[in-house]
Amino acid sequence: MRRRAREAGVDLRQVRGSGPAGRIGHDDLDAFLNAGPQAARPTGGRAPRTEVETVKVIGLRRRIAQKMAESKRRAAHFSYVEEIDVTALEELRARLNGENAERPRLTLMPFLMQALVRAVADFPQMNALYDDDAEIIERHAGVHIGIATQTPSGLMVPVVRHCEARGLWDCAAEVRRLADAARDGQATREELSGSTITITSLGPLGGIVTTPVLNRPEVAIVGVNRQVVRPVWQGAEFVPRTMMNLSSSFDHRVVDGYDAARFVQRIRGLLEAPATIFIEG
């Protein structure tokens, strides 16, 4: 019996036995073979499910899909990833939060926003919009940072305007206000448009590396990855450091790889020595 089943390619666990205590006989094997492929059933004790749910892509989800597809189709994306030591930044952040309990809690985001303001002052081509139909690049003096925010309705990008004129806690409070408005469905059209550069972050789910999609017509987007504590060699010994990657994407039609790397290195230098973020140049 076993040899015959093996030669026929049949798993005997799928054959229903009609003999005593469910014993399988040759007649049972013949019936199984005659029944064809439909006789095969999963053996995990659960019934197979065949339902198919059809979900129409409408509303915000449809607009997001169209915008992302258009961005990938029209912009020449390339990504650059750099590792950053944020140990000193995290120590400063914890200290400021401890000393200012009555103020909005500081996350990494407002520090990165402040660093971005300083970096685009040196690389104005990153704080720009590219009208590829008119073949015009608009470089903006005002730094209007889009903050990619996950909401129950899908991805939205509320905009913190004029970050060049805002302080650390002002940025923190405005990010919180706009994120709450977006998640509650209360953000206005004006609050969801007009960005000149975008930051995207998945928070604790940030992964090791990402390849963000440009928020077209912007030419740069900075992505924050997950922080990890790991040993780092520092001349004579390994020491624990808090490390994080920035995964940034650029439009290669108007941003050269060398300039993108220098731009991210400028952000890295500011975040690794966070006191320099607040020194007026």
C-alpha atoms as a PDB file:
ATOM      1  CA  MET A   1       0.000   0.000   0.000  1.00  0.00           C
ATOM      2  CA  ARG A   2       2.669   2.503   1.037  1.00  0.00           C
ATOM      3  CA  ARG A   3       4.789   1.637  -1.987  1.00  0.00           C
ATOM      4  CA  ARG A   4       1.839   2.036  -4.319  1.00  0.00           C
ATOM      5  CA  ALA A   5       0.930   5.415  -2.778  1.00  0.00           C
ATOM      6  CA  ARG A   6       4.537   6.567  -3.007  1.00  0.00           C
ATOM      7  CA  GLU A   7       4.750   5.603  -6.681  1.00  0.00           C
ATOM      8  CA  ALA A   8       1.486   7.468  -7.329  1.00  0.00           C
ATOM      9  CA  GLY A   9       2.760  10.551  -5.499  1.00  0.00           C
ATOM     10  CA  VAL A  10      -0.007  10.401  -2.893  1.00  0.00           C
ATOM     11  CA  ASP A  11       0.347  11.520   0.717  1.00  0.00           C
ATOM     12  CA  LEU A  12      -1.611   8.865   2.637  1.00  0.00           C
ATOM     13  CA  ARG A  13      -2.523  11.456   5.257  1.00  0.00           C
ATOM     14  CA  GLN A  14      -4.868  12.913   2.653  1.00  0.00           C
ATOM     15  CA  VAL A  15      -6.684   9.612   2.038  1.00  0.00           C
ATOM     16  CA  ARG A  16      -9.790   8.814   4.076  1.00  0.00           C
ATOM     17  CA  GLY A  17      -9.698   5.203   5.329  1.00  0.00           C
ATOM     18  CA  SER A  18     -12.863   3.080   5.446  1.00  0.00           C
ATOM     19  CA  GLY A  19     -11.400   0.180   7.429  1.00  0.00           C
ATOM     20  CA  PRO A  20     -11.394  -0.428  11.164  1.00  0.00           C
ATOM     21  CA  ALA A  21     -10.044   2.613  13.097  1.00  0.00           C
ATOM     22  CA  GLY A  22      -9.799   4.473   9.802  1.00  0.00           C
ATOM     23  CA  ARG A  23      -7.388   2.036   8.225  1.00  0.00           C
ATOM     24  CA  ILE A  24      -6.673   2.749   4.557  1.00  0.00           C
ATOM     25  CA  GLY A  25      -7.192  -0.034   2.034  1.00  0.00           C
ATOM     26  CA  HIS A  26      -6.547  -0.376  -1.683  1.00  0.00           C
ATOM     27  CA  ASP A  27     -10.148   0.570  -2.424  1.00  0.00           C
ATOM     28  CA  ASP A  28      -9.673   3.816  -0.485  1.00  0.00           C
ATOM     29  CA  LEU A  29      -6.550   4.633  -2.478  1.00  0.00           C
ATOM     30  CA  ASP A  30      -8.357   3.837  -5.751  1.00  0.00           C
ATOM     31  CA  ALA A  31     -11.232   6.132  -4.758  1.00  0.00           C
ATOM     32  CA  PHE A  32      -8.788   8.901  -3.922  1.00  0.00           C
ATOM     33  CA  LEU A  33      -6.957   8.561  -7.251  1.00  0.00           C
ATOM     34  CA  ASN A  34     -10.221   8.460  -9.192  1.00  0.00           C
ATOM     35  CA  ALA A  35     -11.442  11.608  -7.480  1.00  0.00           C
ATOM     36  CA  GLY A  36      -8.550  13.617  -8.975  1.00  0.00           C
ATOM     37  CA  PRO A  37      -6.711  16.643  -7.562  1.00  0.00           C
ATOM     38  CA  GLN A  38      -9.744  18.043  -5.768  1.00  0.00           C
ATOM     39  CA  ALA A  39      -9.518  15.220  -3.276  1.00  0.00           C
ATOM     40  CA  ALA A  40      -6.383  16.771  -1.782  1.00  0.00           C
ATOM     41  CA  ARG A  41      -7.124  18.751   1.359  1.00  0.00           C
ATOM     42  CA  PRO A  42      -4.921  20.575   3.889  1.00  0.00           C
ATOM     43  CA  THR A  43      -4.129  18.414   6.904  1.00  0.00           C
ATOM     44  CA  GLY A  44      -3.812  21.176   9.531  1.00  0.00           C
ATOM     45  CA  GLY A  45      -7.344  20.693  10.809  1.00  0.00           C
ATOM     46  CA  ARG A  46      -8.646  23.999   9.389  1.00  0.00           C
ATOM     47  CA  ALA A  47     -10.928  24.372   6.400  1.00  0.00           C
ATOM     48  CA  PRO A  48      -9.410  26.141   3.382  1.00  0.00           C
ATOM     49  CA  ARG A  49     -10.712  29.636   2.670  1.00  0.00           C
ATOM     50  CA  THR A  50     -11.501  30.779  -0.842  1.00  0.00           C
ATOM     51  CA  GLU A  51     -12.981  34.250  -0.285  1.00  0.00           C
ATOM     52  CA  VAL A  52     -11.557  37.152  -2.290  1.00  0.00           C
ATOM     53  CA  GLU A  53     -12.197  40.699  -1.087  1.00  0.00           C
ATOM     54  CA  THR A  54     -12.280  43.378  -3.764  1.00  0.00           C
ATOM     55  CA  VAL A  55     -11.402  46.865  -2.545  1.00  0.00           C
ATOM     56  CA  LYS A  56     -11.894  49.767  -4.921  1.00  0.00           C
ATOM     57  CA  VAL A  57      -9.076  52.313  -4.783  1.00  0.00           C
ATOM     58  CA  ILE A  58     -10.862  55.629  -4.277  1.00  0.00           C
ATOM     59  CA  GLY A  59     -10.531  58.945  -2.466  1.00  0.00           C
ATOM     60  CA  LEU A  60      -7.281  59.713  -0.681  1.00  0.00           C
ATOM     61  CA  ARG A  61      -5.842  56.257  -1.338  1.00  0.00           C
ATOM     62  CA  ARG A  62      -6.325  56.778  -5.062  1.00  0.00           C
ATOM     63  CA  ARG A  63      -4.735  60.248  -4.969  1.00  0.00           C
ATOM     64  CA  ILE A  64      -1.746  58.870  -3.072  1.00  0.00           C
ATOM     65  CA  ALA A  65      -1.327  56.066  -5.612  1.00  0.00           C
ATOM     66  CA  GLN A  66      -1.509  58.464  -8.528  1.00  0.00           C
ATOM     67  CA  LYS A  67       0.937  60.916  -6.973  1.00  0.00           C
ATOM     68  CA  MET A  68       3.489  58.222  -6.092  1.00  0.00           C
ATOM     69  CA  ALA A  69       3.280  56.654  -9.561  1.00  0.00           C
ATOM     70  CA  GLU A  70       3.652  60.056 -11.205  1.00  0.00           C
ATOM     71  CA  SER A  71       6.681  60.849  -9.070  1.00  0.00           C
ATOM     72  CA  LYS A  72       8.413  57.580  -9.929  1.00  0.00           C
ATOM     73  CA  ARG A  73       7.555  57.975 -13.607  1.00  0.00           C
ATOM     74  CA  ARG A  74       8.749  61.557 -14.043  1.00  0.00           C
ATOM     75  CA  ALA A  75      11.599  62.049 -11.545  1.00  0.00           C
ATOM     76  CA  ALA A  76      14.997  60.359 -11.840  1.00  0.00           C
ATOM     77  CA  HIS A  77      15.239  59.012  -8.293  1.00  0.00           C
ATOM     78  CA  PHE A  78      18.480  58.053  -6.625  1.00  0.00           C
ATOM     79  CA  SER A  79      19.060  57.361  -2.939  1.00  0.00           C
ATOM     80  CA  TYR A  80      21.999  58.003  -0.644  1.00  0.00           C
ATOM     81  CA  VAL A  81      22.351  56.381   2.793  1.00  0.00           C
ATOM     82  CA  GLU A  82      24.625  57.627   5.567  1.00  0.00           C
ATOM     83  CA  GLU A  83      25.178  56.339   9.097  1.00  0.00           C
ATOM     84  CA  ILE A  84      25.028  58.910  11.878  1.00  0.00           C
ATOM     85  CA  ASP A  85      26.135  58.727  15.505  1.00  0.00           C
ATOM     86  CA  VAL A  86      23.278  60.372  17.437  1.00  0.00           C
ATOM     87  CA  THR A  87      24.561  59.551  20.928  1.00  0.00           C
ATOM     88  CA  ALA A  88      25.277  63.172  21.846  1.00  0.00           C
ATOM     89  CA  LEU A  89      22.008  64.304  20.274  1.00  0.00           C
ATOM     90  CA  GLU A  90      19.985  61.795  22.285  1.00  0.00           C
ATOM     91  CA  GLU A  91      21.749  62.872  25.490  1.00  0.00           C
ATOM     92  CA  LEU A  92      20.954  66.517  24.735  1.00  0.00           C
ATOM     93  CA  ARG A  93      17.358  65.691  23.867  1.00  0.00           C
ATOM     94  CA  ALA A  94      16.855  63.771  27.129  1.00  0.00           C
ATOM     95  CA  ARG A  95      18.403  66.598  29.130  1.00  0.00           C
ATOM     96  CA  LEU A  96      16.237  69.268  27.498  1.00  0.00           C
ATOM     97  CA  ASN A  97      13.095  67.204  28.022  1.00  0.00           C
ATOM     98  CA  GLY A  98      13.989  66.669  31.677  1.00  0.00           C
ATOM     99  CA  GLU A  99      14.625  70.362  32.276  1.00  0.00           C
ATOM    100  CA  ASN A 100      11.563  71.585  30.386  1.00  0.00           C
ATOM    101  CA  ALA A 101       8.765  69.248  31.391  1.00  0.00           C
ATOM    102  CA  GLU A 102       6.141  71.956  30.813  1.00  0.00           C
ATOM    103  CA  ARG A 103       7.096  72.382  27.135  1.00  0.00           C
ATOM    104  CA  PRO A 104       6.290  70.072  24.196  1.00  0.00           C
ATOM    105  CA  ARG A 105       8.327  66.866  24.394  1.00  0.00           C
ATOM    106  CA  LEU A 106      11.238  66.923  21.984  1.00  0.00           C
ATOM    107  CA  THR A 107      11.664  64.033  19.581  1.00  0.00           C
ATOM    108  CA  LEU A 108      14.423  63.696  16.994  1.00  0.00           C
ATOM    109  CA  MET A 109      12.252  65.510  14.424  1.00  0.00           C
ATOM    110  CA  PRO A 110      12.704  69.159  15.515  1.00  0.00           C
ATOM    111  CA  PHE A 111      16.482  68.692  15.769  1.00  0.00           C
ATOM    112  CA  LEU A 112      16.541  67.269  12.246  1.00  0.00           C
ATOM    113  CA  MET A 113      14.377  70.146  11.032  1.00  0.00           C
ATOM    114  CA  GLN A 114      16.791  72.670  12.529  1.00  0.00           C
ATOM    115  CA  ALA A 115      19.748  70.830  10.979  1.00  0.00           C
ATOM    116  CA  LEU A 116      17.949  70.800   7.632  1.00  0.00           C
ATOM    117  CA  VAL A 117      17.495  74.573   7.779  1.00  0.00           C
ATOM    118  CA  ARG A 118      21.229  75.028   8.342  1.00  0.00           C
ATOM    119  CA  ALA A 119      22.139  72.543   5.600  1.00  0.00           C
ATOM    120  CA  VAL A 120      19.920  74.027   2.878  1.00  0.00           C
ATOM    121  CA  ALA A 121      21.475  77.442   3.571  1.00  0.00           C
ATOM    122  CA  ASP A 122      24.701  75.902   2.237  1.00  0.00           C
ATOM    123  CA  PHE A 123      22.941  73.830  -0.452  1.00  0.00           C
ATOM    124  CA  PRO A 124      20.023  75.938  -1.724  1.00  0.00           C
ATOM    125  CA  GLN A 125      19.517  73.608  -4.687  1.00  0.00           C
ATOM    126  CA  MET A 126      17.993  71.076  -2.263  1.00  0.00           C
ATOM    127  CA  ASN A 127      15.255  73.448  -1.077  1.00  0.00           C
ATOM    128  CA  ALA A 128      13.762  73.712  -4.533  1.00  0.00           C
ATOM    129  CA  LEU A 129      10.904  72.728  -6.801  1.00  0.00           C
ATOM    130  CA  TYR A 130      11.452  71.506 -10.361  1.00  0.00           C
ATOM    131  CA  ASP A 131       8.807  72.335 -12.959  1.00  0.00           C
ATOM    132  CA  ASP A 132       9.845  69.838 -15.601  1.00  0.00           C
ATOM    133  CA  ASP A 133       7.162  71.009 -18.030  1.00  0.00           C
ATOM    134  CA  ALA A 134       8.486  74.584 -18.057  1.00  0.00           C
ATOM    135  CA  GLU A 135      12.056  73.372 -17.307  1.00  0.00           C
ATOM    136  CA  ILE A 136      12.360  75.815 -14.413  1.00  0.00           C
ATOM    137  CA  ILE A 137      13.913  75.264 -10.974  1.00  0.00           C
ATOM    138  CA  GLU A 138      12.518  77.443  -8.171  1.00  0.00           C
ATOM    139  CA  ARG A 139      14.931  77.793  -5.258  1.00  0.00           C
ATOM    140  CA  HIS A 140      13.070  78.972  -2.164  1.00  0.00           C
ATOM    141  CA  ALA A 141      14.522  81.136   0.583  1.00  0.00           C
ATOM    142  CA  GLY A 142      11.794  79.997   2.967  1.00  0.00           C
ATOM    143  CA  VAL A 143      12.201  76.431   4.252  1.00  0.00           C
ATOM    144  CA  HIS A 144       8.778  74.794   4.275  1.00  0.00           C
ATOM    145  CA  ILE A 145       9.286  71.247   5.539  1.00  0.00           C
ATOM    146  CA  GLY A 146       6.743  68.568   4.724  1.00  0.00           C
ATOM    147  CA  ILE A 147       6.413  65.930   7.451  1.00  0.00           C
ATOM    148  CA  ALA A 148       5.216  62.620   5.975  1.00  0.00           C
ATOM    149  CA  THR A 149       2.549  61.400   8.415  1.00  0.00           C
ATOM    150  CA  GLN A 150       0.701  58.089   8.489  1.00  0.00           C
ATOM    151  CA  THR A 151      -3.014  58.546   9.139  1.00  0.00           C
ATOM    152  CA  PRO A 152      -6.003  56.159   9.203  1.00  0.00           C
ATOM    153  CA  SER A 153      -6.858  57.421   5.717  1.00  0.00           C
ATOM    154  CA  GLY A 154      -3.342  56.976   4.308  1.00  0.00           C
ATOM    155  CA  LEU A 155      -0.133  58.978   3.954  1.00  0.00           C
ATOM    156  CA  MET A 156      -0.421  62.762   4.305  1.00  0.00           C
ATOM    157  CA  VAL A 157       2.282  65.433   4.273  1.00  0.00           C
ATOM    158  CA  PRO A 158       1.391  68.412   6.503  1.00  0.00           C
ATOM    159  CA  VAL A 159       3.756  71.338   6.082  1.00  0.00           C
ATOM    160  CA  VAL A 160       5.628  73.269   8.771  1.00  0.00           C
ATOM    161  CA  ARG A 161       6.114  76.633   7.116  1.00  0.00           C
ATOM    162  CA  HIS A 162       9.085  78.969   7.503  1.00  0.00           C
ATOM    163  CA  CYS A 163      11.208  76.649   9.606  1.00  0.00           C
ATOM    164  CA  GLU A 164      14.082  79.087   9.071  1.00  0.00           C
ATOM    165  CA  ALA A 165      12.241  81.452  11.424  1.00  0.00           C
ATOM    166  CA  ARG A 166      11.241  78.855  14.032  1.00  0.00           C
ATOM    167  CA  GLY A 167      13.027  77.653  17.142  1.00  0.00           C
ATOM    168  CA  LEU A 168      13.374  74.098  18.423  1.00  0.00           C
ATOM    169  CA  TRP A 169      10.235  73.977  20.587  1.00  0.00           C
ATOM    170  CA  ASP A 170       8.237  75.930  18.033  1.00  0.00           C
ATOM    171  CA  CYS A 171       9.033  73.234  15.458  1.00  0.00           C
ATOM    172  CA  ALA A 172       8.110  70.502  17.941  1.00  0.00           C
ATOM    173  CA  ALA A 173       4.762  72.102  18.781  1.00  0.00           C
ATOM    174  CA  GLU A 174       3.851  72.723  15.140  1.00  0.00           C
ATOM    175  CA  VAL A 175       4.747  69.163  14.095  1.00  0.00           C
ATOM    176  CA  ARG A 176       2.510  67.805  16.851  1.00  0.00           C
ATOM    177  CA  ARG A 177      -0.355  70.147  15.967  1.00  0.00           C
ATOM    178  CA  LEU A 178      -0.232  69.333  12.264  1.00  0.00           C
ATOM    179  CA  ALA A 179       0.168  65.580  12.797  1.00  0.00           C
ATOM    180  CA  ASP A 180      -2.847  65.523  15.123  1.00  0.00           C
ATOM    181  CA  ALA A 181      -4.897  67.533  12.624  1.00  0.00           C
ATOM    182  CA  ALA A 182      -3.927  65.200   9.786  1.00  0.00           C
ATOM    183  CA  ARG A 183      -4.780  62.061  11.771  1.00  0.00           C
ATOM    184  CA  ASP A 184      -8.127  63.554  12.852  1.00  0.00           C
ATOM    185  CA  GLY A 185      -8.974  64.560   9.302  1.00  0.00           C
ATOM    186  CA  GLN A 186      -8.959  68.259  10.289  1.00  0.00           C
ATOM    187  CA  ALA A 187      -5.922  69.463   8.320  1.00  0.00           C
ATOM    188  CA  THR A 188      -6.736  72.155   5.775  1.00  0.00           C
ATOM    189  CA  ARG A 189      -5.657  72.193   2.139  1.00  0.00           C
ATOM    190  CA  GLU A 190      -3.173  74.963   2.946  1.00  0.00           C
ATOM    191  CA  GLU A 191      -1.648  72.874   5.742  1.00  0.00           C
ATOM    192  CA  LEU A 192      -1.170  69.958   3.344  1.00  0.00           C
ATOM    193  CA  SER A 193       0.514  71.824   0.498  1.00  0.00           C
ATOM    194  CA  GLY A 194       3.391  74.156  -0.242  1.00  0.00           C
ATOM    195  CA  SER A 195       6.370  72.168   1.051  1.00  0.00           C
ATOM    196  CA  THR A 196       9.827  72.721  -0.438  1.00  0.00           C
ATOM    197  CA  ILE A 197      11.559  69.672   1.100  1.00  0.00           C
ATOM    198  CA  THR A 198      10.213  66.668   3.012  1.00  0.00           C
ATOM    199  CA  ILE A 199      11.215  64.517   5.979  1.00  0.00           C
ATOM    200  CA  THR A 200       9.826  60.996   6.236  1.00  0.00           C
ATOM    201  CA  SER A 201      10.104  58.625   9.176  1.00  0.00           C
ATOM    202  CA  LEU A 202       8.545  55.334  10.224  1.00  0.00           C
ATOM    203  CA  GLY A 203       9.581  55.851  13.834  1.00  0.00           C
ATOM    204  CA  PRO A 204      10.436  52.574  15.632  1.00  0.00           C
ATOM    205  CA  LEU A 205       9.526  50.702  12.430  1.00  0.00           C
ATOM    206  CA  GLY A 206      12.068  52.708  10.451  1.00  0.00           C
ATOM    207  CA  GLY A 207      14.116  49.719   9.348  1.00  0.00           C
ATOM    208  CA  ILE A 208      17.793  49.824   8.473  1.00  0.00           C
ATOM    209  CA  VAL A 209      17.545  51.383   5.019  1.00  0.00           C
ATOM    210  CA  THR A 210      14.685  52.870   3.009  1.00  0.00           C
ATOM    211  CA  THR A 211      14.396  54.413  -0.455  1.00  0.00           C
ATOM    212  CA  PRO A 212      11.916  57.288  -0.035  1.00  0.00           C
ATOM    213  CA  VAL A 213       9.839  58.436  -2.996  1.00  0.00           C
ATOM    214  CA  LEU A 214      10.196  62.122  -3.779  1.00  0.00           C
ATOM    215  CA  ASN A 215       7.323  64.422  -2.924  1.00  0.00           C
ATOM    216  CA  ARG A 216       7.312  65.852  -6.427  1.00  0.00           C
ATOM    217  CA  PRO A 217       7.967  68.603  -7.538  1.00  0.00           C
ATOM    218  CA  GLU A 218      10.485  68.706  -4.671  1.00  0.00           C
ATOM    219  CA  VAL A 219      13.977  67.484  -5.502  1.00  0.00           C
ATOM    220  CA  ALA A 220      15.006  66.082  -2.088  1.00  0.00           C
ATOM    221  CA  ILE A 221      13.510  63.995   0.706  1.00  0.00           C
ATOM    222  CA  VAL A 222      15.277  62.936   3.913  1.00  0.00           C
ATOM    223  CA  GLY A 223      14.295  59.608   5.485  1.00  0.00           C
ATOM    224  CA  VAL A 224      14.910  58.669   9.126  1.00  0.00           C
ATOM    225  CA  ASN A 225      15.675  55.040   9.996  1.00  0.00           C
ATOM    226  CA  ARG A 226      15.547  53.176  13.303  1.00  0.00           C
ATOM    227  CA  GLN A 227      18.087  53.933  16.035  1.00  0.00           C
ATOM    228  CA  VAL A 228      20.195  51.061  17.364  1.00  0.00           C
ATOM    229  CA  VAL A 229      22.784  50.895  20.132  1.00  0.00           C
ATOM    230  CA  ARG A 230      25.838  48.945  19.053  1.00  0.00           C
ATOM    231  CA  PRO A 231      29.599  48.804  19.739  1.00  0.00           C
ATOM    232  CA  VAL A 232      31.678  51.257  17.702  1.00  0.00           C
ATOM    233  CA  TRP A 233      35.479  51.197  17.513  1.00  0.00           C
ATOM    234  CA  GLN A 234      36.950  54.462  18.764  1.00  0.00           C
ATOM    235  CA  GLY A 235      40.696  54.212  18.450  1.00  0.00           C
ATOM    236  CA  ALA A 236      41.521  51.972  21.397  1.00  0.00           C
ATOM    237  CA  GLU A 237      38.296  50.198  22.316  1.00  0.00           C
ATOM    238  CA  PHE A 238      34.714  49.478  21.391  1.00  0.00           C
ATOM    239  CA  VAL A 239      32.165  51.748  23.047  1.00  0.00           C
ATOM    240  CA  PRO A 240      28.361  51.630  22.905  1.00  0.00           C
ATOM    241  CA  ARG A 241      26.956  54.313  20.604  1.00  0.00           C
ATOM    242  CA  THR A 242      23.459  55.144  19.389  1.00  0.00           C
ATOM    243  CA  MET A 243      23.555  54.865  15.600  1.00  0.00           C
ATOM    244  CA  MET A 244      21.001  55.745  12.959  1.00  0.00           C
ATOM    245  CA  ASN A 245      20.863  55.831   9.179  1.00  0.00           C
ATOM    246  CA  LEU A 246      19.526  58.656   7.080  1.00  0.00           C
ATOM    247  CA  SER A 247      18.131  57.344   3.787  1.00  0.00           C
ATOM    248  CA  SER A 248      17.618  60.274   1.438  1.00  0.00           C
ATOM    249  CA  SER A 249      16.417  60.459  -2.162  1.00  0.00           C
ATOM    250  CA  PHE A 250      17.056  63.103  -4.791  1.00  0.00           C
ATOM    251  CA  ASP A 251      16.009  64.001  -8.316  1.00  0.00           C
ATOM    252  CA  HIS A 252      19.069  63.228 -10.408  1.00  0.00           C
ATOM    253  CA  ARG A 253      17.868  65.501 -13.189  1.00  0.00           C
ATOM    254  CA  VAL A 254      18.784  68.533 -11.084  1.00  0.00           C
ATOM    255  CA  VAL A 255      20.851  67.187  -8.159  1.00  0.00           C
ATOM    256  CA  ASP A 256      24.264  65.598  -8.728  1.00  0.00           C
ATOM    257  CA  GLY A 257      25.332  62.659  -6.577  1.00  0.00           C
ATOM    258  CA  TYR A 258      28.360  64.530  -5.253  1.00  0.00           C
ATOM    259  CA  ASP A 259      26.231  67.442  -4.049  1.00  0.00           C
ATOM    260  CA  ALA A 260      23.687  65.064  -2.483  1.00  0.00           C
ATOM    261  CA  ALA A 261      26.475  63.340  -0.545  1.00  0.00           C
ATOM    262  CA  ARG A 262      27.894  66.677   0.662  1.00  0.00           C
ATOM    263  CA  PHE A 263      24.422  67.802   1.707  1.00  0.00           C
ATOM    264  CA  VAL A 264      23.819  64.682   3.788  1.00  0.00           C
ATOM    265  CA  GLN A 265      27.309  64.926   5.264  1.00  0.00           C
ATOM    266  CA  ARG A 266      26.484  68.482   6.338  1.00  0.00           C
ATOM    267  CA  ILE A 267      23.361  67.210   8.115  1.00  0.00           C
ATOM    268  CA  ARG A 268      25.433  64.439   9.673  1.00  0.00           C
ATOM    269  CA  GLY A 269      27.988  66.905  11.043  1.00  0.00           C
ATOM    270  CA  LEU A 270      25.262  68.997  12.635  1.00  0.00           C
ATOM    271  CA  LEU A 271      23.463  66.044  14.235  1.00  0.00           C
ATOM    272  CA  GLU A 272      26.676  64.480  15.558  1.00  0.00           C
ATOM    273  CA  ALA A 273      27.694  67.778  17.188  1.00  0.00           C
ATOM    274  CA  PRO A 274      24.205  69.070  18.063  1.00  0.00           C
ATOM    275  CA  ALA A 275      25.428  72.245  19.775  1.00  0.00           C
ATOM    276  CA  THR A 276      26.504  73.515  16.351  1.00  0.00           C
ATOM    277  CA  ILE A 277      22.872  73.495  15.216  1.00  0.00           C
ATOM    278  CA  PHE A 278      22.247  76.501  17.458  1.00  0.00           C
ATOM    279  CA  ILE A 279      25.359  78.533  16.650  1.00  0.00           C
ATOM    280  CA  GLU A 280      24.484  81.519  14.515  1.00  0.00           C
ATOM    281  CA  GLY A 281      26.769  81.621  11.502  1.00  0.00           C
END
